[in-house]
Amino acid sequence: MDNSSGVGVLDKAALVLSALESGPATLAGLVGATGLARPTAHRLAVALEHHRMVARDMQGRFILGPRLAELAAAAGEDRLLATAGPVLTHLRDVTGESAQLYRRQGDMRICVAAAERLSGLRDTVPVGSTLTMKAGSSAQILLAWEEPERLHRGLQGARFTATALSGVRRRGWAQSIGEREPGVASVSAPVRGPSNRVVAAVSVSGPIERLTRHPGRMHAQAVIDAAGRLSEALRRTG
């Protein structure tokens, strides 16, 4: 089958990325796998590296770059949001508290979906709100499974510690009591994409008077179940 699109440079770049799908490659390895001339393979790999679609490992070999993971996550976001509405509504109904879905965006987290309490005091986090990654249970979730260097950076100035995040990874959920906002408690759990990478955090939040100083005891299982349903939806459509 002819894989040519008629745009030669894109076809060659696609060859380079496809060659790296099977693992790290030296320049000689890229030449062998793609059939491209050595200068062409080098020029394309370096250009793709500039756009973060290709990176280098510790041995200097070419590998697939972080931008591809970011694009894949964005592609999954529509599927995530399509499923989030009913799952968050169910979580709100089961717990009686406001439910939110957060995604990381650089050094912040953004509320991409929410289900508010129907009556009484509303602990509203409007959709589109941008919150800190330095405090709150969903921030803990979005940071806990990061690679060591990014995790270390994220802990600088944070209201939680590396030991706390180790506990989060062990339990599979996080809680915060007045960490981001005085008087507010929350419980969060991770949503995982098809590659098992944490792509979002599901949370319930409310006043400490209702959630108590041990909100995980009350709501961790419900939040974990909701996160599991969203993860399953991403796996089915991934």
C-alpha atoms as a PDB file:
ATOM      1  CA  MET A   1       0.000   0.000   0.000  1.00  0.00           C
ATOM      2  CA  ASP A   2       1.279   3.485  -0.858  1.00  0.00           C
ATOM      3  CA  ASN A   3       1.654   5.502   2.356  1.00  0.00           C
ATOM      4  CA  SER A   4       2.534   8.710   0.530  1.00  0.00           C
ATOM      5  CA  SER A   5       0.350  11.723   1.292  1.00  0.00           C
ATOM      6  CA  GLY A   6       1.938  13.773  -1.451  1.00  0.00           C
ATOM      7  CA  VAL A   7       3.662  16.004   1.137  1.00  0.00           C
ATOM      8  CA  GLY A   8       7.140  14.538   1.179  1.00  0.00           C
ATOM      9  CA  VAL A   9       8.539  16.165   4.308  1.00  0.00           C
ATOM     10  CA  LEU A  10       5.532  15.072   6.385  1.00  0.00           C
ATOM     11  CA  ASP A  11       5.731  11.537   5.060  1.00  0.00           C
ATOM     12  CA  LYS A  12       9.396  11.386   6.074  1.00  0.00           C
ATOM     13  CA  ALA A  13       8.690  12.845   9.519  1.00  0.00           C
ATOM     14  CA  ALA A  14       5.958  10.216   9.980  1.00  0.00           C
ATOM     15  CA  LEU A  15       8.518   7.524   9.070  1.00  0.00           C
ATOM     16  CA  VAL A  16      10.835   8.805  11.815  1.00  0.00           C
ATOM     17  CA  LEU A  17       8.056   8.796  14.435  1.00  0.00           C
ATOM     18  CA  SER A  18       6.875   5.321  13.378  1.00  0.00           C
ATOM     19  CA  ALA A  19      10.444   4.017  13.652  1.00  0.00           C
ATOM     20  CA  LEU A  20      10.674   5.347  17.220  1.00  0.00           C
ATOM     21  CA  GLU A  21       7.393   3.656  18.196  1.00  0.00           C
ATOM     22  CA  SER A  22       9.297   0.418  18.760  1.00  0.00           C
ATOM     23  CA  GLY A  23      11.833   2.057  21.089  1.00  0.00           C
ATOM     24  CA  PRO A  24      14.978   4.239  21.266  1.00  0.00           C
ATOM     25  CA  ALA A  25      17.111   4.520  18.128  1.00  0.00           C
ATOM     26  CA  THR A  26      20.508   5.917  17.246  1.00  0.00           C
ATOM     27  CA  LEU A  27      20.837   7.951  14.067  1.00  0.00           C
ATOM     28  CA  ALA A  28      22.160   4.835  12.317  1.00  0.00           C
ATOM     29  CA  GLY A  29      19.146   2.924  13.613  1.00  0.00           C
ATOM     30  CA  LEU A  30      16.792   5.576  12.233  1.00  0.00           C
ATOM     31  CA  VAL A  31      18.506   5.447   8.843  1.00  0.00           C
ATOM     32  CA  GLY A  32      18.160   1.662   8.785  1.00  0.00           C
ATOM     33  CA  ALA A  33      14.517   1.670   9.872  1.00  0.00           C
ATOM     34  CA  THR A  34      13.317   4.473   7.591  1.00  0.00           C
ATOM     35  CA  GLY A  35      15.513   4.110   4.522  1.00  0.00           C
ATOM     36  CA  LEU A  36      16.123   7.877   4.631  1.00  0.00           C
ATOM     37  CA  ALA A  37      19.503   9.371   3.806  1.00  0.00           C
ATOM     38  CA  ARG A  38      21.563  10.004   6.925  1.00  0.00           C
ATOM     39  CA  PRO A  39      21.511  13.863   6.640  1.00  0.00           C
ATOM     40  CA  THR A  40      17.746  13.816   6.041  1.00  0.00           C
ATOM     41  CA  ALA A  41      17.062  11.526   9.012  1.00  0.00           C
ATOM     42  CA  HIS A  42      19.242  13.701  11.234  1.00  0.00           C
ATOM     43  CA  ARG A  43      17.643  16.961  10.085  1.00  0.00           C
ATOM     44  CA  LEU A  44      14.107  15.642  10.614  1.00  0.00           C
ATOM     45  CA  ALA A  45      14.861  14.099  14.026  1.00  0.00           C
ATOM     46  CA  VAL A  46      16.433  17.349  15.256  1.00  0.00           C
ATOM     47  CA  ALA A  47      13.496  19.404  13.892  1.00  0.00           C
ATOM     48  CA  LEU A  48      11.017  17.062  15.599  1.00  0.00           C
ATOM     49  CA  GLU A  49      13.081  17.381  18.796  1.00  0.00           C
ATOM     50  CA  HIS A  50      12.696  21.169  18.576  1.00  0.00           C
ATOM     51  CA  HIS A  51       8.907  20.673  18.608  1.00  0.00           C
ATOM     52  CA  ARG A  52       9.188  18.142  21.502  1.00  0.00           C
ATOM     53  CA  MET A  53       7.794  15.332  19.336  1.00  0.00           C
ATOM     54  CA  VAL A  54      11.172  13.628  19.624  1.00  0.00           C
ATOM     55  CA  ALA A  55      13.514  13.662  22.640  1.00  0.00           C
ATOM     56  CA  ARG A  56      16.791  11.989  23.674  1.00  0.00           C
ATOM     57  CA  ASP A  57      17.400   9.358  26.321  1.00  0.00           C
ATOM     58  CA  MET A  58      20.372   9.233  28.686  1.00  0.00           C
ATOM     59  CA  GLN A  59      22.470   7.559  25.981  1.00  0.00           C
ATOM     60  CA  GLY A  60      21.647  10.284  23.469  1.00  0.00           C
ATOM     61  CA  ARG A  61      19.383   8.008  21.415  1.00  0.00           C
ATOM     62  CA  PHE A  62      16.234   9.411  19.822  1.00  0.00           C
ATOM     63  CA  ILE A  63      12.927   8.570  21.539  1.00  0.00           C
ATOM     64  CA  LEU A  64       9.315   9.714  21.198  1.00  0.00           C
ATOM     65  CA  GLY A  65       8.887  13.117  22.852  1.00  0.00           C
ATOM     66  CA  PRO A  66       6.535  14.472  25.529  1.00  0.00           C
ATOM     67  CA  ARG A  67       4.479  16.557  23.109  1.00  0.00           C
ATOM     68  CA  LEU A  68       2.943  13.361  21.707  1.00  0.00           C
ATOM     69  CA  ALA A  69       1.643  12.408  25.160  1.00  0.00           C
ATOM     70  CA  GLU A  70       0.185  15.893  25.577  1.00  0.00           C
ATOM     71  CA  LEU A  71      -1.599  15.664  22.225  1.00  0.00           C
ATOM     72  CA  ALA A  72      -2.902  12.188  23.077  1.00  0.00           C
ATOM     73  CA  ALA A  73      -4.240  13.509  26.390  1.00  0.00           C
ATOM     74  CA  ALA A  74      -5.986  16.378  24.601  1.00  0.00           C
ATOM     75  CA  ALA A  75      -7.537  13.906  22.147  1.00  0.00           C
ATOM     76  CA  GLY A  76      -8.915  11.987  25.121  1.00  0.00           C
ATOM     77  CA  GLU A  77     -10.344  15.096  26.765  1.00  0.00           C
ATOM     78  CA  ASP A  78     -13.536  15.138  24.682  1.00  0.00           C
ATOM     79  CA  ARG A  79     -14.199  11.499  25.629  1.00  0.00           C
ATOM     80  CA  LEU A  80     -13.489  12.346  29.256  1.00  0.00           C
ATOM     81  CA  LEU A  81     -15.874  15.322  29.299  1.00  0.00           C
ATOM     82  CA  ALA A  82     -18.609  13.390  27.486  1.00  0.00           C
ATOM     83  CA  THR A  83     -18.560  10.779  30.259  1.00  0.00           C
ATOM     84  CA  ALA A  84     -17.921  13.169  33.167  1.00  0.00           C
ATOM     85  CA  GLY A  85     -21.395  14.712  33.428  1.00  0.00           C
ATOM     86  CA  PRO A  86     -23.377  11.642  34.517  1.00  0.00           C
ATOM     87  CA  VAL A  87     -20.507  10.282  36.636  1.00  0.00           C
ATOM     88  CA  LEU A  88     -20.103  13.551  38.580  1.00  0.00           C
ATOM     89  CA  THR A  89     -23.888  13.876  38.991  1.00  0.00           C
ATOM     90  CA  HIS A  90     -24.015  10.359  40.461  1.00  0.00           C
ATOM     91  CA  LEU A  91     -21.073  11.143  42.753  1.00  0.00           C
ATOM     92  CA  ARG A  92     -22.812  14.306  43.977  1.00  0.00           C
ATOM     93  CA  ASP A  93     -26.027  12.373  44.619  1.00  0.00           C
ATOM     94  CA  VAL A  94     -24.229   9.575  46.498  1.00  0.00           C
ATOM     95  CA  THR A  95     -22.126  11.882  48.695  1.00  0.00           C
ATOM     96  CA  GLY A  96     -24.424  14.905  48.950  1.00  0.00           C
ATOM     97  CA  GLU A  97     -21.426  17.133  48.143  1.00  0.00           C
ATOM     98  CA  SER A  98     -20.260  19.140  45.126  1.00  0.00           C
ATOM     99  CA  ALA A  99     -18.216  17.062  42.689  1.00  0.00           C
ATOM    100  CA  GLN A 100     -15.490  18.293  40.310  1.00  0.00           C
ATOM    101  CA  LEU A 101     -13.133  17.026  37.632  1.00  0.00           C
ATOM    102  CA  TYR A 102      -9.690  18.661  37.375  1.00  0.00           C
ATOM    103  CA  ARG A 103      -6.948  18.471  34.768  1.00  0.00           C
ATOM    104  CA  ARG A 104      -3.445  19.802  35.070  1.00  0.00           C
ATOM    105  CA  GLN A 105      -2.497  22.742  32.864  1.00  0.00           C
ATOM    106  CA  GLY A 106       1.154  23.699  33.322  1.00  0.00           C
ATOM    107  CA  ASP A 107       1.676  24.824  36.920  1.00  0.00           C
ATOM    108  CA  MET A 108      -2.060  25.134  37.587  1.00  0.00           C
ATOM    109  CA  ARG A 109      -5.106  22.863  37.592  1.00  0.00           C
ATOM    110  CA  ILE A 110      -8.349  23.673  35.867  1.00  0.00           C
ATOM    111  CA  CYS A 111     -11.884  22.568  36.730  1.00  0.00           C
ATOM    112  CA  VAL A 112     -13.165  21.054  33.474  1.00  0.00           C
ATOM    113  CA  ALA A 113     -16.497  19.668  34.766  1.00  0.00           C
ATOM    114  CA  ALA A 114     -18.597  19.946  37.931  1.00  0.00           C
ATOM    115  CA  ALA A 115     -21.876  18.922  39.566  1.00  0.00           C
ATOM    116  CA  GLU A 116     -23.072  21.311  42.280  1.00  0.00           C
ATOM    117  CA  ARG A 117     -25.147  20.544  45.343  1.00  0.00           C
ATOM    118  CA  LEU A 118     -28.809  21.166  44.659  1.00  0.00           C
ATOM    119  CA  SER A 119     -29.630  22.901  47.945  1.00  0.00           C
ATOM    120  CA  GLY A 120     -28.098  24.466  51.000  1.00  0.00           C
ATOM    121  CA  LEU A 121     -24.610  25.961  51.086  1.00  0.00           C
ATOM    122  CA  ARG A 122     -22.922  25.506  47.718  1.00  0.00           C
ATOM    123  CA  ASP A 123     -19.168  25.028  47.684  1.00  0.00           C
ATOM    124  CA  THR A 124     -18.919  26.028  44.092  1.00  0.00           C
ATOM    125  CA  VAL A 125     -15.862  25.672  41.896  1.00  0.00           C
ATOM    126  CA  PRO A 126     -17.117  26.996  38.544  1.00  0.00           C
ATOM    127  CA  VAL A 127     -16.097  25.153  35.372  1.00  0.00           C
ATOM    128  CA  GLY A 128     -13.073  26.931  33.936  1.00  0.00           C
ATOM    129  CA  SER A 129     -11.712  27.933  37.354  1.00  0.00           C
ATOM    130  CA  THR A 130      -7.924  27.806  37.558  1.00  0.00           C
ATOM    131  CA  LEU A 131      -6.545  26.734  40.939  1.00  0.00           C
ATOM    132  CA  THR A 132      -3.115  26.208  42.444  1.00  0.00           C
ATOM    133  CA  MET A 133      -1.123  22.984  42.153  1.00  0.00           C
ATOM    134  CA  LYS A 134       0.417  23.736  45.567  1.00  0.00           C
ATOM    135  CA  ALA A 135      -2.605  22.849  47.722  1.00  0.00           C
ATOM    136  CA  GLY A 136      -5.744  20.712  47.702  1.00  0.00           C
ATOM    137  CA  SER A 137      -6.426  17.001  47.333  1.00  0.00           C
ATOM    138  CA  SER A 138      -6.794  17.080  43.537  1.00  0.00           C
ATOM    139  CA  ALA A 139      -3.417  18.860  43.249  1.00  0.00           C
ATOM    140  CA  GLN A 140      -1.921  16.000  45.294  1.00  0.00           C
ATOM    141  CA  ILE A 141      -3.450  13.463  42.887  1.00  0.00           C
ATOM    142  CA  LEU A 142      -2.257  15.289  39.758  1.00  0.00           C
ATOM    143  CA  LEU A 143       1.296  15.483  41.145  1.00  0.00           C
ATOM    144  CA  ALA A 144       1.713  12.178  43.042  1.00  0.00           C
ATOM    145  CA  TRP A 145       2.418   9.959  40.015  1.00  0.00           C
ATOM    146  CA  GLU A 146       4.606  12.426  38.085  1.00  0.00           C
ATOM    147  CA  GLU A 147       8.201  11.523  37.185  1.00  0.00           C
ATOM    148  CA  PRO A 148      10.650  12.333  40.043  1.00  0.00           C
ATOM    149  CA  GLU A 149      12.053  15.583  38.650  1.00  0.00           C
ATOM    150  CA  ARG A 150       8.633  17.115  37.974  1.00  0.00           C
ATOM    151  CA  LEU A 151       7.346  15.852  41.326  1.00  0.00           C
ATOM    152  CA  HIS A 152      10.300  17.451  43.137  1.00  0.00           C
ATOM    153  CA  ARG A 153       9.669  20.769  41.354  1.00  0.00           C
ATOM    154  CA  GLY A 154       5.971  20.610  42.172  1.00  0.00           C
ATOM    155  CA  LEU A 155       6.658  20.141  45.874  1.00  0.00           C
ATOM    156  CA  GLN A 156       8.544  23.438  46.136  1.00  0.00           C
ATOM    157  CA  GLY A 157       6.293  25.799  48.077  1.00  0.00           C
ATOM    158  CA  ALA A 158       3.512  23.190  48.337  1.00  0.00           C
ATOM    159  CA  ARG A 159       1.269  22.774  51.393  1.00  0.00           C
ATOM    160  CA  PHE A 160       1.851  18.991  51.251  1.00  0.00           C
ATOM    161  CA  THR A 161       5.033  16.907  51.468  1.00  0.00           C
ATOM    162  CA  ALA A 162       6.730  14.064  49.572  1.00  0.00           C
ATOM    163  CA  THR A 163       5.707  11.760  52.450  1.00  0.00           C
ATOM    164  CA  ALA A 164       2.070  12.786  52.001  1.00  0.00           C
ATOM    165  CA  LEU A 165       2.255  12.013  48.267  1.00  0.00           C
ATOM    166  CA  SER A 166       3.799   8.620  49.039  1.00  0.00           C
ATOM    167  CA  GLY A 167       0.711   7.909  51.165  1.00  0.00           C
ATOM    168  CA  VAL A 168      -1.525   9.070  48.304  1.00  0.00           C
ATOM    169  CA  ARG A 169       0.138   6.601  45.912  1.00  0.00           C
ATOM    170  CA  ARG A 170      -0.207   3.789  48.459  1.00  0.00           C
ATOM    171  CA  ARG A 171      -3.905   4.467  49.223  1.00  0.00           C
ATOM    172  CA  GLY A 172      -4.967   5.534  45.748  1.00  0.00           C
ATOM    173  CA  TRP A 173      -6.769   8.658  47.011  1.00  0.00           C
ATOM    174  CA  ALA A 174      -5.990  12.012  48.652  1.00  0.00           C
ATOM    175  CA  GLN A 175      -7.709  14.266  51.167  1.00  0.00           C
ATOM    176  CA  SER A 176      -7.199  17.850  52.258  1.00  0.00           C
ATOM    177  CA  ILE A 177      -8.548  19.725  55.278  1.00  0.00           C
ATOM    178  CA  GLY A 178      -8.374  23.511  54.970  1.00  0.00           C
ATOM    179  CA  GLU A 179      -5.315  23.160  52.743  1.00  0.00           C
ATOM    180  CA  ARG A 180      -6.394  25.349  49.813  1.00  0.00           C
ATOM    181  CA  GLU A 181      -9.177  27.293  51.544  1.00  0.00           C
ATOM    182  CA  PRO A 182      -9.899  27.577  55.289  1.00  0.00           C
ATOM    183  CA  GLY A 183     -12.937  25.592  56.373  1.00  0.00           C
ATOM    184  CA  VAL A 184     -13.118  23.476  53.197  1.00  0.00           C
ATOM    185  CA  ALA A 185     -12.271  19.765  52.971  1.00  0.00           C
ATOM    186  CA  SER A 186     -12.010  17.540  49.907  1.00  0.00           C
ATOM    187  CA  VAL A 187     -11.301  13.998  48.721  1.00  0.00           C
ATOM    188  CA  SER A 188      -9.852  13.127  45.288  1.00  0.00           C
ATOM    189  CA  ALA A 189      -8.881  10.081  43.233  1.00  0.00           C
ATOM    190  CA  PRO A 190      -7.017   9.623  39.917  1.00  0.00           C
ATOM    191  CA  VAL A 191      -8.516   9.117  36.474  1.00  0.00           C
ATOM    192  CA  ARG A 192      -6.154   7.090  34.276  1.00  0.00           C
ATOM    193  CA  GLY A 193      -5.898   7.059  30.501  1.00  0.00           C
ATOM    194  CA  PRO A 194      -5.345   3.984  28.309  1.00  0.00           C
ATOM    195  CA  SER A 195      -1.588   4.007  29.098  1.00  0.00           C
ATOM    196  CA  ASN A 196      -2.414   4.043  32.858  1.00  0.00           C
ATOM    197  CA  ARG A 197      -1.107   7.618  33.124  1.00  0.00           C
ATOM    198  CA  VAL A 198      -3.020   9.918  35.483  1.00  0.00           C
ATOM    199  CA  VAL A 199      -4.888  12.364  33.229  1.00  0.00           C
ATOM    200  CA  ALA A 200      -7.354  13.944  35.684  1.00  0.00           C
ATOM    201  CA  ALA A 201      -8.577  14.005  39.275  1.00  0.00           C
ATOM    202  CA  VAL A 202     -12.147  13.493  40.502  1.00  0.00           C
ATOM    203  CA  SER A 203     -13.032  15.343  43.724  1.00  0.00           C
ATOM    204  CA  VAL A 204     -15.794  16.013  46.187  1.00  0.00           C
ATOM    205  CA  SER A 205     -15.539  19.116  48.361  1.00  0.00           C
ATOM    206  CA  GLY A 206     -17.516  20.787  51.094  1.00  0.00           C
ATOM    207  CA  PRO A 207     -17.277  22.432  54.513  1.00  0.00           C
ATOM    208  CA  ILE A 208     -15.282  20.645  57.207  1.00  0.00           C
ATOM    209  CA  GLU A 209     -18.443  20.676  59.360  1.00  0.00           C
ATOM    210  CA  ARG A 210     -20.008  18.156  56.962  1.00  0.00           C
ATOM    211  CA  LEU A 211     -16.958  16.292  55.653  1.00  0.00           C
ATOM    212  CA  THR A 212     -15.258  16.243  59.101  1.00  0.00           C
ATOM    213  CA  ARG A 213     -11.492  16.209  59.607  1.00  0.00           C
ATOM    214  CA  HIS A 214     -11.349  12.713  58.110  1.00  0.00           C
ATOM    215  CA  PRO A 215     -13.199  13.225  54.796  1.00  0.00           C
ATOM    216  CA  GLY A 216     -11.572  10.155  53.234  1.00  0.00           C
ATOM    217  CA  ARG A 217     -13.344   7.866  55.688  1.00  0.00           C
ATOM    218  CA  MET A 218     -16.685   9.182  54.468  1.00  0.00           C
ATOM    219  CA  HIS A 219     -16.164   9.579  50.748  1.00  0.00           C
ATOM    220  CA  ALA A 220     -12.943   7.930  49.477  1.00  0.00           C
ATOM    221  CA  GLN A 221     -14.695   4.830  48.139  1.00  0.00           C
ATOM    222  CA  ALA A 222     -17.347   6.797  46.247  1.00  0.00           C
ATOM    223  CA  VAL A 223     -14.678   9.045  44.702  1.00  0.00           C
ATOM    224  CA  ILE A 224     -12.503   6.044  43.756  1.00  0.00           C
ATOM    225  CA  ASP A 225     -15.538   4.369  42.131  1.00  0.00           C
ATOM    226  CA  ALA A 226     -16.303   7.515  40.100  1.00  0.00           C
ATOM    227  CA  ALA A 227     -12.680   7.832  38.976  1.00  0.00           C
ATOM    228  CA  GLY A 228     -12.722   4.151  38.036  1.00  0.00           C
ATOM    229  CA  ARG A 229     -15.798   4.612  35.849  1.00  0.00           C
ATOM    230  CA  LEU A 230     -14.140   7.505  33.998  1.00  0.00           C
ATOM    231  CA  SER A 231     -10.908   5.516  33.587  1.00  0.00           C
ATOM    232  CA  GLU A 232     -12.878   2.580  32.187  1.00  0.00           C
ATOM    233  CA  ALA A 233     -14.634   4.886  29.696  1.00  0.00           C
ATOM    234  CA  LEU A 234     -11.263   6.172  28.466  1.00  0.00           C
ATOM    235  CA  ARG A 235      -9.949   2.610  28.092  1.00  0.00           C
ATOM    236  CA  ARG A 236     -13.008   1.530  26.104  1.00  0.00           C
ATOM    237  CA  THR A 237     -12.618   4.361  23.613  1.00  0.00           C
ATOM    238  CA  GLY A 238      -8.817   4.621  23.636  1.00  0.00           C
END
